[in-house]
């Protein structure tokens, strides 16, 4: 049986935790402050822990409160998905497909895919969740998402399958005033003494490892002074004079005026986007997605190969 009272208490906890203030949380929930305070007290008594430190400045999470916050957020997200699924079922929709996407996939792969899938499933609701690559596999395993679009390759576990969708050659982003910016192509070994702005390993371990492996094959280990979460941030840091960055060559079209992107002399290819899915759950919508992407891949290979 669903404990709706506990759910209500958790919603209140989430509001107070995010607002860091009982009064602001009450306004956000359309309540007065006393019931908010009372519900937090009931939740603390039920869990036998203290969740907030109260002061004149507001409410700060205790270590226990901070520990359970990510779980409550995930629970709230799942409730939102449940509500969406119920509403769609009531209104005669044919299903909900949740896609987890890194930012680049939102601009090229995903829009065309959604258009194609909806043509065959006009009542389908597509929910998109922006993710980092490192979150893709846990989200697939937990069922939080149905399909992931991320920088993935290699062995992803016994129940995860993947297929590369986008590959690109490796290039280097340089400040326009950098001496190497005068070259048409840059040899990778010429970057041995440079300071690097690198894509953070915790965000995309395989991507990070492929870049460092390329450097090692050229005889050096990159001296990383900044780790960032997106490729666009890499370019932004380069533009601010914070180092150089190894990036996909296609990024040249989006580089700002103070940054130049030069291809490497070595042909170093990397997967920039792959699709991944779990084999643990049967889902005809996921099968339709993979079939559509497989057909696109086959067509692309036909015209490029």
Protein backbone atom coordinates (compact mmCIF):
# COMPACT_ATOMS: atom_id res chain seq x y z
CA UNK A 1 0.00 0.00 0.00
CA UNK A 2 1.29 3.48 -0.89
CA UNK A 3 2.00 5.61 2.17
CA UNK A 4 0.73 8.95 0.88
CA UNK A 5 1.38 10.63 4.23
CA UNK A 6 5.09 9.73 4.00
CA UNK A 7 5.18 10.98 0.41
CA UNK A 8 3.74 14.32 1.54
CA UNK A 9 6.36 14.57 4.29
CA UNK A 10 9.15 13.85 1.79
CA UNK A 11 7.87 16.56 -0.57
CA UNK A 12 7.98 19.02 2.33
CA UNK A 13 11.50 17.85 3.26
CA UNK A 14 12.66 18.39 -0.34
CA UNK A 15 11.20 21.90 -0.46
CA UNK A 16 12.84 22.95 2.83
CA UNK A 17 16.17 21.39 1.79
CA UNK A 18 16.20 23.24 -1.53
CA UNK A 19 14.93 26.56 -0.19
CA UNK A 20 17.03 26.32 3.03
CA UNK A 21 14.23 28.18 4.75
CA UNK A 22 10.93 27.05 6.27
CA UNK A 23 9.03 30.19 5.27
CA UNK A 24 10.21 30.07 1.64
CA UNK A 25 9.40 26.36 1.46
CA UNK A 26 5.90 27.06 2.78
CA UNK A 27 5.30 29.71 0.09
CA UNK A 28 6.60 27.32 -2.59
CA UNK A 29 4.18 24.62 -1.40
CA UNK A 30 1.25 27.01 -0.99
CA UNK A 31 1.13 26.41 2.74
CA UNK A 32 1.62 28.37 5.91
CA UNK A 33 4.81 27.81 7.89
CA UNK A 34 3.44 25.98 10.98
CA UNK A 35 2.23 22.90 9.03
CA UNK A 36 5.59 22.73 7.23
CA UNK A 37 7.44 22.76 10.55
CA UNK A 38 5.05 20.18 11.98
CA UNK A 39 5.51 17.79 9.02
CA UNK A 40 9.30 18.00 9.26
CA UNK A 41 9.08 17.25 12.98
CA UNK A 42 6.85 14.22 12.28
CA UNK A 43 9.30 12.98 9.64
CA UNK A 44 12.25 13.43 12.03
CA UNK A 45 10.39 11.53 14.75
CA UNK A 46 9.50 8.72 12.33
CA UNK A 47 13.09 8.40 11.11
CA UNK A 48 14.53 9.01 14.60
CA UNK A 49 17.05 11.51 13.20
CA UNK A 50 17.50 15.26 13.03
CA UNK A 51 17.26 16.52 9.45
CA UNK A 52 17.77 20.29 9.81
CA UNK A 53 19.70 22.74 11.95
CA UNK A 54 17.41 25.71 12.47
CA UNK A 55 18.69 29.25 12.96
CA UNK A 56 17.63 32.84 12.36
CA UNK A 57 19.24 32.61 8.92
CA UNK A 58 17.15 29.62 7.83
CA UNK A 59 17.48 25.84 7.82
CA UNK A 60 20.64 23.91 7.02
CA UNK A 61 20.71 20.17 6.41
CA UNK A 62 22.38 18.01 9.03
CA UNK A 63 24.83 15.37 7.74
CA UNK A 64 22.01 12.81 7.85
CA UNK A 65 19.67 15.16 5.96
CA UNK A 66 22.33 15.80 3.31
CA UNK A 67 22.88 12.04 2.96
CA UNK A 68 19.24 11.27 2.18
CA UNK A 69 18.62 14.31 -0.05
CA UNK A 70 19.83 12.67 -3.32
CA UNK A 71 17.61 9.63 -2.65
CA UNK A 72 14.59 11.83 -1.98
CA UNK A 73 15.27 13.81 -5.17
CA UNK A 74 15.39 10.59 -7.19
CA UNK A 75 12.18 9.41 -5.51
CA UNK A 76 10.49 12.70 -6.41
CA UNK A 77 11.63 12.33 -10.01
CA UNK A 78 10.19 8.81 -10.14
CA UNK A 79 6.89 10.12 -8.75
CA UNK A 80 6.82 12.75 -11.49
CA UNK A 81 7.33 10.02 -14.08
CA UNK A 82 4.58 7.94 -12.48
CA UNK A 83 2.20 10.89 -12.57
CA UNK A 84 3.07 11.52 -16.22
CA UNK A 85 2.50 7.87 -17.14
CA UNK A 86 -0.86 7.82 -15.35
CA UNK A 87 -1.99 11.05 -17.03
CA UNK A 88 -0.92 9.78 -20.44
CA UNK A 89 -2.79 6.51 -19.87
CA UNK A 90 -5.94 8.41 -18.85
CA UNK A 91 -5.75 10.50 -22.02
CA UNK A 92 -5.15 7.52 -24.27
CA UNK A 93 -1.46 8.00 -24.94
CA UNK A 94 0.49 4.97 -26.19
CA UNK A 95 3.49 5.19 -23.86
CA UNK A 96 6.29 7.20 -22.34
CA UNK A 97 9.90 6.95 -23.51
CA UNK A 98 12.58 8.54 -21.32
CA UNK A 99 15.86 9.51 -22.99
CA UNK A 100 18.99 10.44 -21.06
CA UNK A 101 21.16 12.72 -23.18
CA UNK A 102 24.47 14.53 -23.00
CA UNK A 103 24.23 18.07 -24.37
CA UNK A 104 25.71 17.47 -27.88
CA UNK A 105 23.17 14.72 -28.58
CA UNK A 106 20.35 17.22 -28.04
CA UNK A 107 21.52 19.19 -31.06
CA UNK A 108 22.12 16.45 -33.66
CA UNK A 109 21.01 12.88 -32.96
CA UNK A 110 17.96 13.20 -30.72
CA UNK A 111 15.70 15.72 -32.57
CA UNK A 112 15.72 13.67 -35.77
CA UNK A 113 15.15 10.45 -33.81
CA UNK A 114 12.15 11.85 -31.93
CA UNK A 115 10.58 13.06 -35.16
CA UNK A 116 11.00 9.62 -36.72
CA UNK A 117 9.71 7.66 -33.69
CA UNK A 118 6.69 9.92 -33.27
CA UNK A 119 5.79 9.44 -36.93
CA UNK A 120 5.25 5.76 -36.13
CA UNK A 121 3.87 6.39 -32.63
CA UNK A 122 1.86 9.64 -32.78
CA UNK A 123 0.57 9.25 -29.22
CA UNK A 124 4.01 8.64 -27.74
CA UNK A 125 5.27 10.99 -25.02
CA UNK A 126 9.05 11.49 -25.04
CA UNK A 127 10.65 12.69 -21.81
CA UNK A 128 14.23 13.98 -22.02
CA UNK A 129 16.61 14.07 -19.06
CA UNK A 130 19.98 15.80 -19.43
CA UNK A 131 22.75 13.62 -18.02
CA UNK A 132 26.52 13.39 -17.79
CA UNK A 133 28.11 10.34 -19.37
CA UNK A 134 29.07 8.96 -15.95
CA UNK A 135 25.37 8.87 -14.99
CA UNK A 136 24.24 6.93 -18.07
CA UNK A 137 24.83 3.34 -16.94
CA UNK A 138 23.44 3.74 -13.36
CA UNK A 139 20.35 5.48 -14.80
CA UNK A 140 19.80 2.65 -17.29
CA UNK A 141 20.27 -0.03 -14.63
CA UNK A 142 17.83 1.66 -12.22
CA UNK A 143 15.22 2.21 -14.93
CA UNK A 144 15.40 5.97 -14.50
CA UNK A 145 15.90 6.26 -18.27
CA UNK A 146 15.10 3.89 -21.13
CA UNK A 147 17.84 4.91 -23.56
CA UNK A 148 21.09 6.82 -23.04
CA UNK A 149 22.96 9.01 -25.49
CA UNK A 150 26.48 9.57 -24.14
CA UNK A 151 30.22 9.17 -24.78
CA UNK A 152 30.33 5.43 -24.24
CA UNK A 153 32.31 2.55 -25.70
CA UNK A 154 33.90 -0.73 -24.67
CA UNK A 155 32.52 -3.22 -22.12
CA UNK A 156 29.67 -1.55 -20.21
CA UNK A 157 28.54 -4.57 -18.21
CA UNK A 158 26.61 -7.79 -18.87
CA UNK A 159 23.19 -6.17 -19.21
CA UNK A 160 24.10 -3.02 -21.16
CA UNK A 161 24.41 -2.85 -24.93
CA UNK A 162 25.69 0.11 -26.91
CA UNK A 163 26.15 1.27 -30.47
CA UNK A 164 28.41 4.13 -31.64
CA UNK A 165 26.55 6.86 -33.49
CA UNK A 166 28.98 9.74 -33.94
CA UNK A 167 32.74 9.66 -34.36
CA UNK A 168 35.10 12.55 -34.95
CA UNK A 169 38.78 13.21 -35.37
CA UNK A 170 40.69 14.70 -32.52
CA UNK A 171 41.79 18.33 -32.80
CA UNK A 172 43.38 20.89 -30.51
CA UNK A 173 41.78 24.13 -29.32
CA UNK A 174 44.31 26.95 -28.91
CA UNK A 175 44.17 30.62 -27.99
CA UNK A 176 44.41 32.61 -31.23
CA UNK A 177 47.65 34.19 -29.98
CA UNK A 178 49.29 30.79 -29.35
CA UNK A 179 52.37 30.07 -31.54
CA UNK A 180 50.93 26.72 -32.65
CA UNK A 181 47.81 28.49 -33.93
CA UNK A 182 49.81 29.51 -37.02
CA UNK A 183 50.11 25.87 -38.11
CA UNK A 184 47.64 24.18 -40.45
CA UNK A 185 47.96 20.88 -38.54
CA UNK A 186 49.52 20.24 -35.16
CA UNK A 187 51.54 17.18 -34.21
CA UNK A 188 50.34 15.72 -30.92
CA UNK A 189 53.88 15.48 -29.53
CA UNK A 190 54.20 19.27 -29.94
CA UNK A 191 51.72 19.63 -27.04
CA UNK A 192 53.91 17.81 -24.51
CA UNK A 193 54.85 20.96 -22.55
CA UNK A 194 51.41 22.57 -22.68
CA UNK A 195 48.87 23.01 -19.89
CA UNK A 196 45.61 21.18 -20.63
CA UNK A 197 41.96 21.89 -19.98
CA UNK A 198 40.55 18.37 -19.93
CA UNK A 199 37.10 16.83 -19.92
CA UNK A 200 36.68 15.61 -16.32
CA UNK A 201 37.22 11.88 -15.89
CA UNK A 202 34.36 11.46 -13.42
CA UNK A 203 31.98 12.83 -16.06
CA UNK A 204 33.15 10.57 -18.91
CA UNK A 205 35.83 8.05 -17.87
CA UNK A 206 36.21 6.36 -21.28
CA UNK A 207 36.46 9.69 -23.10
CA UNK A 208 39.07 11.00 -20.64
CA UNK A 209 41.07 7.78 -20.85
CA UNK A 210 41.04 7.81 -24.65
CA UNK A 211 42.48 11.33 -24.70
CA UNK A 212 45.22 10.56 -22.19
CA UNK A 213 46.04 7.33 -24.05
CA UNK A 214 46.47 9.31 -27.27
CA UNK A 215 48.90 11.64 -25.50
CA UNK A 216 50.86 8.74 -24.04
CA UNK A 217 51.18 7.17 -27.48
CA UNK A 218 52.83 10.44 -28.53
CA UNK A 219 55.35 10.13 -25.69
CA UNK A 220 53.93 12.28 -22.89
CA UNK A 221 51.28 12.50 -20.18
CA UNK A 222 49.09 15.61 -20.39
CA UNK A 223 49.61 18.19 -17.64
CA UNK A 224 45.99 18.82 -16.68
CA UNK A 225 45.39 22.06 -14.79
CA UNK A 226 41.61 22.30 -15.24
CA UNK A 227 38.89 19.64 -15.47
CA UNK A 228 35.50 20.71 -16.81
CA UNK A 229 32.15 19.04 -17.48
CA UNK A 230 31.50 19.99 -21.10
CA UNK A 231 33.43 20.38 -24.33
CA UNK A 232 32.08 23.92 -24.68
CA UNK A 233 33.57 24.71 -21.26
CA UNK A 234 36.92 23.45 -22.52
CA UNK A 235 36.79 25.96 -25.36
CA UNK A 236 35.67 28.70 -22.98
CA UNK A 237 38.64 28.06 -20.68
CA UNK A 238 41.00 28.10 -23.68
CA UNK A 239 39.56 31.46 -24.72
CA UNK A 240 40.33 32.77 -21.21
CA UNK A 241 44.00 31.76 -21.57
CA UNK A 242 43.73 28.84 -19.15
CA UNK A 243 45.50 26.30 -21.38
CA UNK A 244 44.82 24.25 -24.49
CA UNK A 245 42.28 21.45 -25.02
CA UNK A 246 41.84 18.31 -27.08
CA UNK A 247 38.38 18.49 -28.64
CA UNK A 248 36.37 16.99 -31.54
CA UNK A 249 37.35 18.61 -34.86
CA UNK A 250 33.71 19.40 -35.67
CA UNK A 251 33.74 21.97 -32.87
CA UNK A 252 35.60 24.31 -35.23
CA UNK A 253 32.26 25.64 -36.50
CA UNK A 254 31.30 26.85 -33.01
CA UNK A 255 34.64 28.24 -31.84
CA UNK A 256 34.66 31.88 -30.68
CA UNK A 257 36.92 34.44 -32.37
CA UNK A 258 39.66 34.20 -29.74
CA UNK A 259 40.01 30.41 -30.16
CA UNK A 260 41.30 28.43 -33.13
CA UNK A 261 40.82 24.69 -33.57
CA UNK A 262 43.53 22.91 -35.54
CA UNK A 263 43.36 19.27 -36.64
CA UNK A 264 46.08 16.93 -35.46
CA UNK A 265 48.55 15.42 -37.93
CA UNK A 266 47.81 12.03 -36.36
CA UNK A 267 44.49 10.44 -37.27
CA UNK A 268 43.05 9.94 -33.79
CA UNK A 269 39.35 9.07 -33.88
CA UNK A 270 37.02 9.01 -30.88
CA UNK A 271 33.39 8.19 -30.21
CA UNK A 272 31.57 11.42 -29.42
CA UNK A 273 28.08 9.94 -29.06
CA UNK A 274 26.82 6.38 -28.59
CA UNK A 275 23.41 4.98 -27.75
CA UNK A 276 23.10 2.52 -24.86
CA UNK A 277 20.22 0.50 -23.46
CA UNK A 278 19.54 -2.20 -20.88
CA UNK A 279 18.67 -5.76 -21.88
CA UNK A 280 17.06 -6.49 -18.50
CA UNK A 281 13.69 -4.95 -19.43
CA UNK A 282 11.64 -5.74 -22.54
CA UNK A 283 10.47 -2.48 -24.08
CA UNK A 284 9.13 -2.31 -27.66
CA UNK A 285 9.75 1.44 -27.73
CA UNK A 286 13.45 0.89 -27.00
CA UNK A 287 13.58 -1.72 -29.76
CA UNK A 288 12.03 0.80 -32.15
CA UNK A 289 14.66 3.40 -31.20
CA UNK A 290 17.55 0.99 -31.76
CA UNK A 291 16.07 -0.20 -35.07
CA UNK A 292 15.73 3.38 -36.29
CA UNK A 293 19.28 4.28 -35.27
CA UNK A 294 20.68 1.07 -36.79
CA UNK A 295 18.98 1.88 -40.09
CA UNK A 296 20.42 5.41 -40.02
CA UNK A 297 23.89 4.01 -39.29
CA UNK A 298 23.64 1.55 -42.17
CA UNK A 299 22.54 4.31 -44.55
CA UNK A 300 25.35 6.58 -43.43
CA UNK A 301 27.96 3.83 -43.91
CA UNK A 302 26.57 3.16 -47.39
CA UNK A 303 27.06 6.76 -48.51
CA UNK A 304 30.36 7.37 -46.74
CA UNK A 305 31.99 4.02 -47.33
